[in-house]
Each structure stands twice: as C-alpha cells, then as structure tokens.
C-alpha cells in the first residue's frame, strides 16, 4: 500500500476508479484525468491545507499540515 510504503501517519483517500471525489472537488479534467492536488481535511470537514501541482505527490507538506492541526487541537483543549 502506498501509505505504508511512505510510512504516513494520516489516512489517504483515492478515488481512481470512480472519480466521484475528483468531480466533487472540481479537479476532474474534461479528458478524464485529474489535476494533482492534495487536500488536508480537518475533523470538522473543512479544508485546512491544499497542495497543487507536481509537488502534491510529496507527502512532506501534508504531514506537516496534519502535525500543525494536531498541535492546534491539543493546545485548544
């Protein structure tokens, strides 16, 4: 699994088969391909971070965004 290979600490969602999420997020192109975009969605369902383009395949920024959200949640208690 991709997430295990990269030792990610957050869940991934891919809808390669159905493209339903790509349609919902407006990233499905007319040719049926998707733009490379990574979203971090917080526990309230709000988009907290977006990475667009070729850099979106590198999970480093996403992991940092998740860490920031976790820290923010911990200090808010």
N, C-alpha and C. Protein backbone atom coordinates (compact mmCIF):
# COMPACT_ATOMS: atom_id res chain seq x y z
N UNK A 1 0.84 -1.18 0.00
CA UNK A 1 0.00 0.00 0.00
C UNK A 1 0.89 1.25 0.00
N UNK A 2 0.49 2.24 -0.75
CA UNK A 2 1.24 3.47 -0.92
C UNK A 2 1.52 4.15 0.42
N UNK A 3 0.50 4.28 1.28
CA UNK A 3 0.67 4.95 2.56
C UNK A 3 1.65 4.20 3.46
N UNK A 4 1.60 2.89 3.44
CA UNK A 4 2.52 2.09 4.25
C UNK A 4 3.95 2.22 3.75
N UNK A 5 4.14 2.23 2.44
CA UNK A 5 5.47 2.37 1.87
C UNK A 5 6.12 3.69 2.29
N UNK A 6 5.31 4.73 2.37
CA UNK A 6 5.82 6.05 2.75
C UNK A 6 5.80 6.28 4.25
N UNK A 7 5.25 5.30 4.99
CA UNK A 7 5.14 5.39 6.46
C UNK A 7 4.39 6.64 6.89
N UNK A 8 3.27 6.89 6.23
CA UNK A 8 2.46 8.07 6.54
C UNK A 8 1.71 7.86 7.85
N UNK A 9 1.47 8.95 8.54
CA UNK A 9 0.76 8.90 9.82
C UNK A 9 -0.67 9.43 9.69
N UNK A 10 -1.16 9.54 8.47
CA UNK A 10 -2.50 10.05 8.23
C UNK A 10 -3.15 9.21 7.14
N UNK A 11 -4.48 9.13 7.13
CA UNK A 11 -5.16 8.32 6.10
C UNK A 11 -5.17 9.02 4.75
N UNK A 12 -5.22 8.22 3.70
CA UNK A 12 -5.30 8.73 2.33
C UNK A 12 -6.63 8.32 1.71
N UNK A 13 -7.13 9.13 0.82
CA UNK A 13 -8.31 8.81 0.04
C UNK A 13 -7.95 8.92 -1.43
N UNK A 14 -8.24 7.89 -2.17
CA UNK A 14 -8.06 7.93 -3.62
C UNK A 14 -9.31 7.38 -4.25
N UNK A 15 -9.79 8.05 -5.28
CA UNK A 15 -10.99 7.55 -5.97
C UNK A 15 -10.68 7.29 -7.43
N UNK A 16 -9.54 6.68 -7.67
CA UNK A 16 -9.08 6.42 -9.03
C UNK A 16 -10.15 5.72 -9.87
N UNK A 17 -10.88 4.80 -9.26
CA UNK A 17 -11.88 4.03 -10.00
C UNK A 17 -13.11 4.81 -10.39
N UNK A 18 -13.68 5.56 -9.45
CA UNK A 18 -14.96 6.23 -9.71
C UNK A 18 -14.85 7.70 -10.05
N UNK A 19 -13.82 8.34 -9.57
CA UNK A 19 -13.59 9.78 -9.79
C UNK A 19 -14.67 10.66 -9.14
N UNK A 20 -15.45 10.10 -8.22
CA UNK A 20 -16.52 10.88 -7.59
C UNK A 20 -15.98 12.04 -6.77
N UNK A 21 -14.91 11.81 -6.00
CA UNK A 21 -14.35 12.90 -5.20
C UNK A 21 -13.70 13.95 -6.11
N UNK A 22 -13.05 13.50 -7.17
CA UNK A 22 -12.45 14.44 -8.12
C UNK A 22 -13.52 15.35 -8.72
N UNK A 23 -14.66 14.77 -9.03
CA UNK A 23 -15.77 15.57 -9.56
C UNK A 23 -16.26 16.55 -8.49
N UNK A 24 -16.44 16.06 -7.26
CA UNK A 24 -16.96 16.89 -6.18
C UNK A 24 -16.03 18.05 -5.85
N UNK A 25 -14.72 17.82 -5.94
CA UNK A 25 -13.74 18.86 -5.63
C UNK A 25 -13.37 19.70 -6.84
N UNK A 26 -13.94 19.38 -8.00
CA UNK A 26 -13.73 20.19 -9.20
C UNK A 26 -12.35 20.05 -9.83
N UNK A 27 -11.71 18.89 -9.66
CA UNK A 27 -10.37 18.71 -10.21
C UNK A 27 -10.33 17.72 -11.37
N UNK A 28 -11.49 17.19 -11.76
CA UNK A 28 -11.55 16.26 -12.88
C UNK A 28 -11.55 17.06 -14.18
N UNK A 29 -10.57 16.78 -15.02
CA UNK A 29 -10.44 17.49 -16.29
C UNK A 29 -11.36 16.85 -17.34
N UNK A 30 -11.67 17.56 -18.42
CA UNK A 30 -12.53 17.00 -19.47
C UNK A 30 -11.99 15.72 -20.10
N UNK A 31 -10.66 15.53 -20.06
CA UNK A 31 -10.09 14.31 -20.64
C UNK A 31 -10.18 13.11 -19.70
N UNK A 32 -10.82 13.27 -18.53
CA UNK A 32 -10.99 12.18 -17.59
C UNK A 32 -9.85 12.02 -16.61
N UNK A 33 -8.80 12.80 -16.77
CA UNK A 33 -7.67 12.78 -15.84
C UNK A 33 -7.94 13.79 -14.73
N UNK A 34 -7.14 13.72 -13.68
CA UNK A 34 -7.29 14.65 -12.56
C UNK A 34 -6.05 15.50 -12.42
N UNK A 35 -6.25 16.73 -12.01
CA UNK A 35 -5.12 17.55 -11.64
C UNK A 35 -4.53 16.98 -10.36
N UNK A 36 -3.23 17.09 -10.18
CA UNK A 36 -2.57 16.59 -8.98
C UNK A 36 -2.81 17.59 -7.85
N UNK A 37 -3.65 17.21 -6.89
CA UNK A 37 -3.97 18.08 -5.76
C UNK A 37 -4.08 17.22 -4.51
N UNK A 38 -3.53 17.73 -3.42
CA UNK A 38 -3.67 17.08 -2.12
C UNK A 38 -4.42 18.03 -1.20
N UNK A 39 -5.44 17.52 -0.54
CA UNK A 39 -6.20 18.28 0.44
C UNK A 39 -6.00 17.65 1.82
N UNK A 40 -5.90 18.48 2.84
CA UNK A 40 -5.98 18.01 4.22
C UNK A 40 -7.30 18.53 4.74
N UNK A 41 -8.14 17.60 5.19
CA UNK A 41 -9.47 17.95 5.70
C UNK A 41 -9.46 17.76 7.21
N UNK A 42 -9.86 18.79 7.95
CA UNK A 42 -9.83 18.68 9.41
C UNK A 42 -11.01 17.87 9.93
N UNK A 43 -11.06 17.69 11.24
CA UNK A 43 -12.11 16.85 11.85
C UNK A 43 -13.50 17.42 11.66
N UNK A 44 -13.60 18.71 11.40
CA UNK A 44 -14.90 19.34 11.15
C UNK A 44 -15.30 19.25 9.68
N UNK A 45 -14.43 18.66 8.86
CA UNK A 45 -14.73 18.51 7.44
C UNK A 45 -14.34 19.71 6.60
N UNK A 46 -13.58 20.63 7.17
CA UNK A 46 -13.14 21.83 6.45
C UNK A 46 -11.76 21.59 5.86
N UNK A 47 -11.55 22.13 4.67
CA UNK A 47 -10.24 22.01 4.04
C UNK A 47 -9.26 22.91 4.79
N UNK A 48 -8.20 22.30 5.33
CA UNK A 48 -7.23 23.03 6.14
C UNK A 48 -5.93 23.30 5.39
N UNK A 49 -5.68 22.57 4.30
CA UNK A 49 -4.43 22.70 3.56
C UNK A 49 -4.65 22.18 2.16
N UNK A 50 -4.03 22.85 1.17
CA UNK A 50 -4.11 22.43 -0.22
C UNK A 50 -2.72 22.49 -0.83
N UNK A 51 -2.33 21.42 -1.51
CA UNK A 51 -1.07 21.38 -2.26
C UNK A 51 -1.45 21.07 -3.70
N UNK A 52 -1.03 21.92 -4.64
CA UNK A 52 -1.43 21.78 -6.04
C UNK A 52 -0.20 21.59 -6.93
N UNK A 53 -0.34 20.74 -7.93
CA UNK A 53 0.72 20.54 -8.91
C UNK A 53 1.59 19.34 -8.62
N UNK A 54 2.75 19.28 -9.27
CA UNK A 54 3.63 18.13 -9.14
C UNK A 54 4.12 17.91 -7.72
N UNK A 55 4.20 18.97 -6.92
CA UNK A 55 4.66 18.82 -5.54
C UNK A 55 3.64 18.11 -4.66
N UNK A 56 2.41 17.98 -5.13
CA UNK A 56 1.36 17.34 -4.34
C UNK A 56 1.62 15.86 -4.10
N UNK A 57 2.49 15.25 -4.87
CA UNK A 57 2.77 13.83 -4.66
C UNK A 57 3.72 13.60 -3.49
N UNK A 58 4.46 14.63 -3.07
CA UNK A 58 5.36 14.53 -1.93
C UNK A 58 4.55 14.76 -0.66
N UNK A 59 4.46 13.77 0.23
CA UNK A 59 3.62 13.90 1.42
C UNK A 59 4.21 14.76 2.53
N UNK A 60 5.41 15.30 2.35
CA UNK A 60 6.07 16.06 3.42
C UNK A 60 5.23 17.24 3.89
N UNK A 61 4.78 18.06 2.97
CA UNK A 61 3.99 19.23 3.36
C UNK A 61 2.66 18.82 3.98
N UNK A 62 2.10 17.73 3.48
CA UNK A 62 0.83 17.24 4.03
C UNK A 62 1.02 16.76 5.46
N UNK A 63 2.09 16.03 5.71
CA UNK A 63 2.39 15.54 7.05
C UNK A 63 2.59 16.72 8.00
N UNK A 64 3.28 17.75 7.55
CA UNK A 64 3.47 18.95 8.37
C UNK A 64 2.14 19.64 8.66
N UNK A 65 1.26 19.70 7.67
CA UNK A 65 -0.06 20.31 7.88
C UNK A 65 -0.86 19.52 8.90
N UNK A 66 -0.80 18.20 8.83
CA UNK A 66 -1.51 17.35 9.81
C UNK A 66 -0.93 17.56 11.20
N UNK A 67 0.38 17.67 11.30
CA UNK A 67 1.02 17.91 12.60
C UNK A 67 0.59 19.25 13.18
N UNK A 68 0.51 20.27 12.34
CA UNK A 68 0.06 21.58 12.81
C UNK A 68 -1.38 21.52 13.31
N UNK A 69 -2.23 20.81 12.58
CA UNK A 69 -3.63 20.67 13.02
C UNK A 69 -3.71 19.93 14.35
N UNK A 70 -2.93 18.87 14.51
CA UNK A 70 -2.94 18.12 15.77
C UNK A 70 -2.45 18.98 16.92
N UNK A 71 -1.41 19.77 16.68
CA UNK A 71 -0.88 20.66 17.71
C UNK A 71 -1.92 21.72 18.09
N UNK A 72 -2.56 22.28 17.08
CA UNK A 72 -3.60 23.29 17.31
C UNK A 72 -4.74 22.71 18.14
N UNK A 73 -5.14 21.48 17.83
CA UNK A 73 -6.23 20.83 18.56
C UNK A 73 -5.82 20.55 20.01
N UNK A 74 -4.57 20.13 20.19
CA UNK A 74 -4.08 19.82 21.54
C UNK A 74 -3.98 21.06 22.42
N UNK A 75 -3.57 22.17 21.85
CA UNK A 75 -3.43 23.40 22.64
C UNK A 75 -4.75 24.11 22.86
N UNK A 76 -5.76 23.77 22.09
CA UNK A 76 -7.08 24.39 22.25
C UNK A 76 -7.87 23.79 23.41
N UNK A 77 -7.43 22.65 23.90
CA UNK A 77 -8.16 21.97 24.99
C UNK A 77 -7.89 22.60 26.33
